[in-house]
Structure formats: C-alpha cells, structure tokens
Amino acid sequence: MSVCSLLSAHGVPAHGPLPPEPSLAAVAYWYSPPIISLLVLAGLALWFVAVRRVRTRHPGNPVPRSRSVAILGAAAFVLVALQSVVERYDTTLFSVHMVQHLILLFPVPILILRAAPVTLILRLASPRWRARVLAILSSRLVGVITHPIVTWLLLAFVMWATHLSPLFDAALDDPLLHHLEHTLYLVSALLFWAPVFSLDPVRHRLSRPAALFYLITQMPQNSFLGVAIMWAPGVLYPHYASLPRTWGPTPLEDQQLAGAIMWLVGDALFLAAVFVVLAAWMRAEERPASRYNAEQLAQELAEIRRREAVLAERQKGERA
C-alpha cells in the first residue's frame, strides 16, 4: 500500500495532519516547506533585474510601472492561494479549496497577462532569439492552442472534468496530483484570458464586442457547475466525508457553501471582467479618431524603422 493510500485510509489530507479549528492565530500560518515562496521571490528578482536592464538600454522607453505593479499583485495572490492559511485548509474544507481555485482562475492569470512577461523577454533577447520566440508565437500549433474557441472550451472542460470526476478527490490525497491540478487551472486560465487581457503579442486578440460575447457565454457554465455542486444530494468527494473533523460545518454544508462561492463569487468576477471590457470600449469610443489614427501611424512607422535597423545590422554582420 502506498503512502498516499495509507494517508487516505486514515483520513489525513495531502498536506499532512488534520489542521486545528480555524482561529485568528491561524491567519499568520505559512505553509512549510516554503517552496512556492522561494520560487515566487526568485521570479520577482529576475523580473526586476530584467526591468532594470531594459531601463539601462532604453532610458527613453522603460518598462511601464503598471506592469511591475501587476506582477507584484500576481505574486501576492499566488502566495495567498498556495502558501498561506488557504493552502493549509484547502484539503480540509471544500469551501476554502474553492476560494483557492477562484484565485488561480481570475486575479493571478489576468495580472500576469497585464504584466506582459513575453514582451519583457523579447526586449532583452538578441535578434536571433527574438526571431525564434516570435516564430514560436506565430506557429500553427500555438495558433490552434490559443484560438478563442479552443480556450473557451478548454476552460469549461477543465472545470467540469476536474470537479465532477475522481480526479478531484484523488488530488486531495496526493500532493503531486494536487500541484498538477493547480497548474492545470492556471494554464487553462492564462489561455482563456489571453485574447481579452494580454498585453503580449497574441495570435487571436478579440475585439471588444467579441470579448464581451466570449466572457458572457462562459459565465453560465460557471453558474451551472456551482449550482450543481451546491444542490448535490450527497457529498461528492469521499475525502471530505472521511475526515475526522469535529469542528466547522458538516461535509455536505461545506460543499453547499463551496458551490455557492463558485456560483456567486465566480459570476461576480466574470461580471467585473465584463465591466472592464465595457469601460475600455467606452474610452475608445470617446477618443478622437484623428488622434487615434495619428498614434497608430506613428507606431507603424516606428516598427518599420526598427525592422530596417535590425536588417541593416544583420547584413553588416553577414558582410563581415
């Protein structure tokens, strides 16, 4: 019998012994070992080193401060979801687990996309590596994976397949599966939000009317899944039912709360995204057309000059 099986047989969650009843002191808890914390800090260090190099090389065109604020926000949400008290109770209370999933599905991927990490990499890369990265981004495979129809279906499939299959319960007892589940949510969410919020070069950027349709049609499947969980007649996941927990709501009450969180909070977050798109659309409509055309033309001319300079350098190197 495996270690995971032994833990499951004794009602022990993937993160170790059953935690005590939540209290104010539990808020200060930090999950150990702090692997995620170290990875996040390392990522932030690389980010700010890269930002500094861009500022040194291009003092007239540094990385916008808003992008660093976005990456800091994404890092903070990752730490809350995967290292804080949320991580401690996610395998003990389904409602806490649902909060964790919503953090990984909404603020984290959107903030990462608004930070534009690929653009930062492209600005620091040599012309050869920049060409390779752009070739990958423009490849047919990436085009298929990032197509809005595919990303819409992928997120819906991931949500339903994980919550209404044995995978969800297995992940509660297996740390590796648990981490893979988190990765699956984050990757599918990044792909889903990219056509709407990405500042990086993407193959399929949705117009604002299309983005509204894209988001509004995704919201009902979130609602239906939340309602299905909330109104399930019995406990869906044996893991939660088998825990020797003597405090808090019953497993069925906790499941009903989790379903309500997915339905109400999830829909509220979708609506917030819809309002952001609407606000951007209204601002674009109010902008004078002549100014927009002038700015667009200036950007196109700057891009042409940049390409000419890269070509001149390449030809000079070939002659040498």
Protein backbone atom coordinates (compact mmCIF):
# COMPACT_ATOMS: atom_id res chain seq x y z
CA MET A 1 0.00 0.00 0.00
CA SER A 2 1.35 3.41 -0.98
CA VAL A 3 1.91 6.30 1.41
CA CYS A 4 -0.96 8.22 -0.20
CA SER A 5 -3.26 5.24 0.30
CA LEU A 6 -2.28 4.99 3.95
CA LEU A 7 -2.93 8.67 4.46
CA SER A 8 -6.29 8.41 2.74
CA ALA A 9 -7.28 5.38 4.82
CA HIS A 10 -6.68 7.35 7.99
CA GLY A 11 -8.41 10.49 6.78
CA VAL A 12 -5.22 12.55 6.51
CA PRO A 13 -5.19 15.19 3.77
CA ALA A 14 -2.38 15.65 1.24
CA HIS A 15 -0.75 18.45 3.23
CA GLY A 16 -0.30 16.42 6.41
CA PRO A 17 -2.27 16.01 9.65
CA LEU A 18 -5.72 17.50 10.04
CA PRO A 19 -5.30 21.17 11.00
CA PRO A 20 -6.98 22.59 14.11
CA GLU A 21 -10.15 24.65 14.11
CA PRO A 22 -9.51 27.99 12.35
CA SER A 23 -8.74 30.93 14.65
CA LEU A 24 -7.26 34.41 14.43
CA ALA A 25 -3.84 32.92 15.12
CA ALA A 26 -4.21 30.68 12.06
CA VAL A 27 -4.18 33.72 9.77
CA ALA A 28 -0.43 34.08 10.37
CA TYR A 29 0.21 30.49 9.26
CA TRP A 30 2.67 30.00 6.40
CA TYR A 31 2.85 26.62 4.68
CA SER A 32 6.13 24.76 5.07
CA PRO A 33 8.31 23.93 3.21
CA PRO A 34 8.02 27.37 1.56
CA ILE A 35 8.93 26.15 -1.94
CA ILE A 36 6.34 28.35 -3.65
CA SER A 37 7.53 31.37 -1.68
CA LEU A 38 11.13 30.82 -2.79
CA LEU A 39 10.08 30.34 -6.42
CA VAL A 40 7.96 33.50 -6.34
CA LEU A 41 10.79 35.54 -4.80
CA ALA A 42 13.23 34.20 -7.39
CA GLY A 43 10.80 35.11 -10.17
CA LEU A 44 10.37 38.63 -8.80
CA ALA A 45 14.13 39.07 -8.54
CA LEU A 46 14.55 38.06 -12.21
CA TRP A 47 11.70 40.38 -13.18
CA PHE A 48 13.21 43.49 -11.58
CA VAL A 49 16.70 42.68 -12.87
CA ALA A 50 15.20 42.48 -16.37
CA VAL A 51 13.27 45.73 -15.87
CA ARG A 52 16.46 47.47 -14.76
CA ARG A 53 18.34 46.23 -17.83
CA VAL A 54 15.60 47.49 -20.13
CA ARG A 55 15.74 50.88 -18.39
CA THR A 56 19.52 50.96 -18.84
CA ARG A 57 19.39 50.02 -22.52
CA HIS A 58 16.35 52.11 -23.39
CA PRO A 59 16.16 55.05 -20.94
CA GLY A 60 13.58 56.76 -23.10
CA ASN A 61 11.31 53.70 -23.21
CA PRO A 62 11.42 51.83 -19.86
CA VAL A 63 9.01 49.13 -18.77
CA PRO A 64 5.79 50.84 -17.60
CA ARG A 65 5.50 50.86 -13.82
CA SER A 66 1.98 49.43 -14.06
CA ARG A 67 3.42 46.16 -15.37
CA SER A 68 5.65 45.75 -12.33
CA VAL A 69 2.66 46.51 -10.11
CA ALA A 70 0.72 43.81 -11.95
CA ILE A 71 3.45 41.18 -11.46
CA LEU A 72 3.68 42.08 -7.77
CA GLY A 73 -0.09 41.65 -7.46
CA ALA A 74 0.05 38.28 -9.20
CA ALA A 75 2.86 37.15 -6.87
CA ALA A 76 0.87 38.24 -3.80
CA PHE A 77 -2.21 36.31 -4.92
CA VAL A 78 -0.11 33.20 -5.67
CA LEU A 79 1.33 33.31 -2.16
CA VAL A 80 -2.13 33.74 -0.62
CA ALA A 81 -3.50 30.81 -2.62
CA LEU A 82 -0.60 28.37 -2.30
CA GLN A 83 1.35 29.26 0.86
CA SER A 84 -0.97 30.92 3.33
CA VAL A 85 -3.70 29.62 5.61
CA VAL A 86 -5.74 28.99 2.43
CA GLU A 87 -3.33 26.22 1.46
CA ARG A 88 -3.45 24.79 4.99
CA TYR A 89 -7.23 24.25 4.92
CA ASP A 90 -7.85 23.54 1.23
CA THR A 91 -7.85 19.77 1.72
CA THR A 92 -9.91 20.06 4.92
CA LEU A 93 -12.67 22.45 3.83
CA PHE A 94 -14.06 22.33 0.30
CA SER A 95 -15.21 25.95 0.60
CA VAL A 96 -11.61 27.08 1.23
CA HIS A 97 -10.48 24.92 -1.68
CA MET A 98 -12.98 26.73 -3.91
CA VAL A 99 -11.62 30.12 -2.85
CA GLN A 100 -8.15 28.89 -3.76
CA HIS A 101 -9.32 27.83 -7.21
CA LEU A 102 -11.00 31.16 -7.90
CA ILE A 103 -7.78 32.99 -7.00
CA LEU A 104 -5.86 30.84 -9.50
CA LEU A 105 -8.54 31.27 -12.18
CA PHE A 106 -9.14 35.03 -12.02
CA PRO A 107 -6.70 37.55 -10.49
CA VAL A 108 -3.46 35.58 -10.92
CA PRO A 109 -3.64 34.92 -14.69
CA ILE A 110 -5.14 38.32 -15.52
CA LEU A 111 -2.40 40.17 -13.62
CA ILE A 112 0.31 38.04 -15.25
CA LEU A 113 -1.09 38.88 -18.68
CA ARG A 114 -1.22 42.59 -17.82
CA ALA A 115 2.45 42.42 -16.81
CA ALA A 116 3.40 41.29 -20.36
CA PRO A 117 6.30 38.98 -19.43
CA VAL A 118 6.83 37.81 -23.03
CA THR A 119 7.30 41.39 -24.20
CA LEU A 120 9.91 41.90 -21.48
CA ILE A 121 11.77 38.80 -22.68
CA LEU A 122 11.62 39.99 -26.29
CA ARG A 123 13.06 43.38 -25.36
CA LEU A 124 16.08 41.75 -23.73
CA ALA A 125 16.63 38.97 -26.24
CA SER A 126 19.20 39.12 -29.01
CA PRO A 127 17.83 39.49 -32.56
CA ARG A 128 18.34 35.77 -33.18
CA TRP A 129 16.49 34.67 -30.06
CA ARG A 130 13.80 37.28 -30.60
CA ALA A 131 13.17 35.84 -34.06
CA ARG A 132 12.94 32.33 -32.61
CA VAL A 133 10.45 33.37 -29.92
CA LEU A 134 8.32 35.22 -32.45
CA ALA A 135 8.44 32.19 -34.76
CA ILE A 136 7.08 30.01 -31.95
CA LEU A 137 4.35 32.52 -31.13
CA SER A 138 3.31 32.65 -34.79
CA SER A 139 3.44 28.87 -35.31
CA ARG A 140 0.37 26.91 -36.34
CA LEU A 141 0.36 24.85 -33.11
CA VAL A 142 0.33 27.94 -30.89
CA GLY A 143 -2.32 29.44 -33.14
CA VAL A 144 -4.59 26.44 -32.59
CA ILE A 145 -3.98 26.21 -28.83
CA THR A 146 -4.64 29.92 -28.30
CA HIS A 147 -7.68 30.19 -30.56
CA PRO A 148 -10.58 31.68 -28.52
CA ILE A 149 -12.91 28.78 -29.35
CA VAL A 150 -10.31 26.31 -28.11
CA THR A 151 -9.51 28.28 -24.96
CA TRP A 152 -13.22 28.77 -24.18
CA LEU A 153 -13.87 25.03 -24.48
CA LEU A 154 -10.68 24.15 -22.61
CA LEU A 155 -11.58 26.17 -19.51
CA ALA A 156 -15.12 24.77 -19.45
CA PHE A 157 -13.81 21.22 -19.88
CA VAL A 158 -11.17 21.61 -17.16
CA MET A 159 -13.71 22.97 -14.67
CA TRP A 160 -16.32 20.26 -15.26
CA ALA A 161 -13.88 17.37 -15.73
CA THR A 162 -11.95 18.08 -12.54
CA HIS A 163 -14.91 18.85 -10.26
CA LEU A 164 -17.15 16.02 -11.45
CA SER A 165 -14.61 13.23 -11.83
CA PRO A 166 -12.49 11.07 -9.48
CA LEU A 167 -9.51 13.33 -10.26
CA PHE A 168 -10.62 15.98 -7.79
CA ASP A 169 -10.90 13.54 -4.88
CA ALA A 170 -7.62 11.84 -5.81
CA ALA A 171 -5.83 15.20 -5.80
CA LEU A 172 -6.93 15.79 -2.21
CA ASP A 173 -4.87 12.77 -1.08
CA ASP A 174 -1.93 13.00 -3.50
CA PRO A 175 0.33 16.08 -3.23
CA LEU A 176 1.68 15.64 -6.77
CA LEU A 177 -1.80 15.46 -8.28
CA HIS A 178 -2.80 18.43 -6.15
CA HIS A 179 0.00 20.56 -7.61
CA LEU A 180 -0.75 19.34 -11.13
CA GLU A 181 -4.38 20.35 -10.64
CA HIS A 182 -3.32 23.87 -9.64
CA THR A 183 -1.04 24.06 -12.68
CA LEU A 184 -3.88 22.90 -14.94
CA TYR A 185 -6.19 25.61 -13.61
CA LEU A 186 -3.58 28.34 -14.00
CA VAL A 187 -2.53 27.33 -17.53
CA SER A 188 -6.10 26.96 -18.80
CA ALA A 189 -6.99 30.33 -17.23
CA LEU A 190 -3.97 32.04 -18.82
CA LEU A 191 -5.03 30.72 -22.22
CA PHE A 192 -8.65 31.73 -21.62
CA TRP A 193 -7.94 35.32 -20.55
CA ALA A 194 -5.15 35.98 -23.08
CA PRO A 195 -7.40 37.00 -26.04
CA VAL A 196 -9.05 39.61 -23.78
CA PHE A 197 -6.40 40.99 -21.42
CA SER A 198 -2.93 40.08 -22.72
CA LEU A 199 -0.52 42.93 -23.44
CA ASP A 200 1.89 40.50 -25.09
CA PRO A 201 1.76 39.74 -28.83
CA VAL A 202 -1.02 37.15 -29.29
CA ARG A 203 -2.32 35.49 -32.43
CA HIS A 204 -6.01 35.96 -31.64
CA ARG A 205 -6.85 39.23 -29.92
CA LEU A 206 -10.61 39.64 -29.57
CA SER A 207 -12.39 42.84 -30.47
CA ARG A 208 -14.37 44.34 -27.62
CA PRO A 209 -17.77 43.09 -28.87
CA ALA A 210 -16.29 39.61 -29.36
CA ALA A 211 -14.65 39.75 -25.92
CA LEU A 212 -17.99 40.57 -24.32
CA PHE A 213 -19.63 37.62 -26.06
CA TYR A 214 -16.68 35.40 -25.08
CA LEU A 215 -17.00 36.29 -21.39
CA ILE A 216 -20.78 36.42 -21.13
CA THR A 217 -21.19 32.97 -22.69
CA GLN A 218 -18.56 31.47 -20.36
CA MET A 219 -20.30 32.74 -17.23
CA PRO A 220 -23.35 30.38 -17.38
CA GLN A 221 -21.21 27.25 -17.35
CA ASN A 222 -19.57 28.52 -14.16
CA SER A 223 -23.04 29.18 -12.71
CA PHE A 224 -24.38 25.75 -13.67
CA LEU A 225 -21.37 23.97 -12.20
CA GLY A 226 -21.64 25.94 -8.96
CA VAL A 227 -25.37 25.20 -8.70
CA ALA A 228 -24.76 21.50 -9.47
CA ILE A 229 -22.26 21.29 -6.61
CA MET A 230 -24.42 23.33 -4.24
CA TRP A 231 -27.57 21.24 -4.81
CA ALA A 232 -25.93 17.81 -4.94
CA PRO A 233 -27.94 15.50 -2.64
CA GLY A 234 -24.84 13.93 -1.12
CA VAL A 235 -21.15 14.60 -0.54
CA LEU A 236 -19.38 14.42 -3.90
CA TYR A 237 -15.88 13.73 -2.60
CA PRO A 238 -15.27 10.85 -0.15
CA HIS A 239 -12.11 12.57 1.09
CA TYR A 240 -14.04 15.33 2.84
CA ALA A 241 -16.63 12.90 4.20
CA SER A 242 -13.95 10.63 5.70
CA LEU A 243 -12.03 13.32 7.59
CA PRO A 244 -12.35 13.03 11.39
CA ARG A 245 -13.18 16.72 11.67
CA THR A 246 -15.17 17.67 14.78
CA TRP A 247 -15.44 21.42 14.11
CA GLY A 248 -17.00 23.61 11.46
CA PRO A 249 -19.80 22.79 9.01
CA THR A 250 -20.73 19.26 8.05
CA PRO A 251 -19.19 17.95 4.81
CA LEU A 252 -22.49 18.50 2.97
CA GLU A 253 -22.92 22.04 4.36
CA ASP A 254 -19.32 22.83 3.43
CA GLN A 255 -19.95 21.51 -0.09
CA GLN A 256 -23.06 23.67 -0.42
CA LEU A 257 -21.03 26.72 0.65
CA ALA A 258 -18.34 25.85 -1.91
CA GLY A 259 -20.93 25.60 -4.68
CA ALA A 260 -22.39 28.96 -3.67
CA ILE A 261 -18.93 30.53 -3.72
CA MET A 262 -18.27 29.21 -7.23
CA TRP A 263 -21.67 30.41 -8.43
CA LEU A 264 -21.93 33.85 -6.79
CA VAL A 265 -18.30 34.92 -6.43
CA GLY A 266 -17.28 33.35 -9.74
CA ASP A 267 -20.11 35.12 -11.58
CA ALA A 268 -19.24 38.40 -9.83
CA LEU A 269 -15.66 38.10 -11.06
CA PHE A 270 -16.83 37.39 -14.60
CA LEU A 271 -19.10 40.44 -14.42
CA ALA A 272 -16.18 42.54 -13.20
CA ALA A 273 -14.20 41.43 -16.27
CA VAL A 274 -17.18 42.32 -18.48
CA PHE A 275 -17.35 45.80 -16.95
CA VAL A 276 -13.61 46.31 -17.53
CA VAL A 277 -14.07 45.48 -21.23
CA LEU A 278 -17.09 47.78 -21.44
CA ALA A 279 -15.18 50.63 -19.79
CA ALA A 280 -12.28 50.21 -22.22
CA TRP A 281 -14.74 50.19 -25.12
CA MET A 282 -16.35 53.42 -23.93
CA ARG A 283 -12.97 55.12 -23.54
CA ALA A 284 -12.02 54.07 -27.07
CA GLU A 285 -15.28 55.46 -28.45
CA GLU A 286 -14.65 58.81 -26.76
CA ARG A 287 -11.13 59.13 -28.17
CA PRO A 288 -10.94 61.37 -31.28
CA ALA A 289 -10.47 59.34 -34.46
CA SER A 290 -7.82 61.67 -35.86
CA ARG A 291 -5.64 61.30 -32.75
CA TYR A 292 -6.02 57.54 -32.80
CA ASN A 293 -5.04 57.36 -36.46
CA ALA A 294 -2.03 59.59 -35.87
CA GLU A 295 -0.83 57.47 -32.96
CA GLN A 296 -1.36 54.27 -34.93
CA LEU A 297 0.59 55.65 -37.89
CA ALA A 298 3.46 56.73 -35.61
CA GLN A 299 3.63 53.25 -34.09
CA GLU A 300 3.67 51.63 -37.53
CA LEU A 301 6.46 53.94 -38.73
CA ALA A 302 8.50 53.24 -35.60
CA GLU A 303 8.11 49.50 -36.16
CA ILE A 304 9.23 49.87 -39.80
CA ARG A 305 12.33 51.81 -38.73
CA ARG A 306 13.15 49.19 -36.10
CA ARG A 307 12.93 46.38 -38.65
CA GLU A 308 15.12 48.33 -41.07
CA ALA A 309 17.75 48.80 -38.37
CA VAL A 310 17.72 45.08 -37.50
CA LEU A 311 18.05 44.17 -41.18
CA ALA A 312 20.95 46.60 -41.62
CA GLU A 313 22.78 45.08 -38.66
CA ARG A 314 22.19 41.56 -39.99
CA GLN A 315 23.52 42.49 -43.45
CA LYS A 316 26.53 44.18 -41.89
CA GLY A 317 27.30 41.02 -39.91
CA GLU A 318 27.00 38.83 -43.00
CA ARG A 319 29.44 41.06 -44.93
CA ALA A 320 31.93 40.90 -42.09
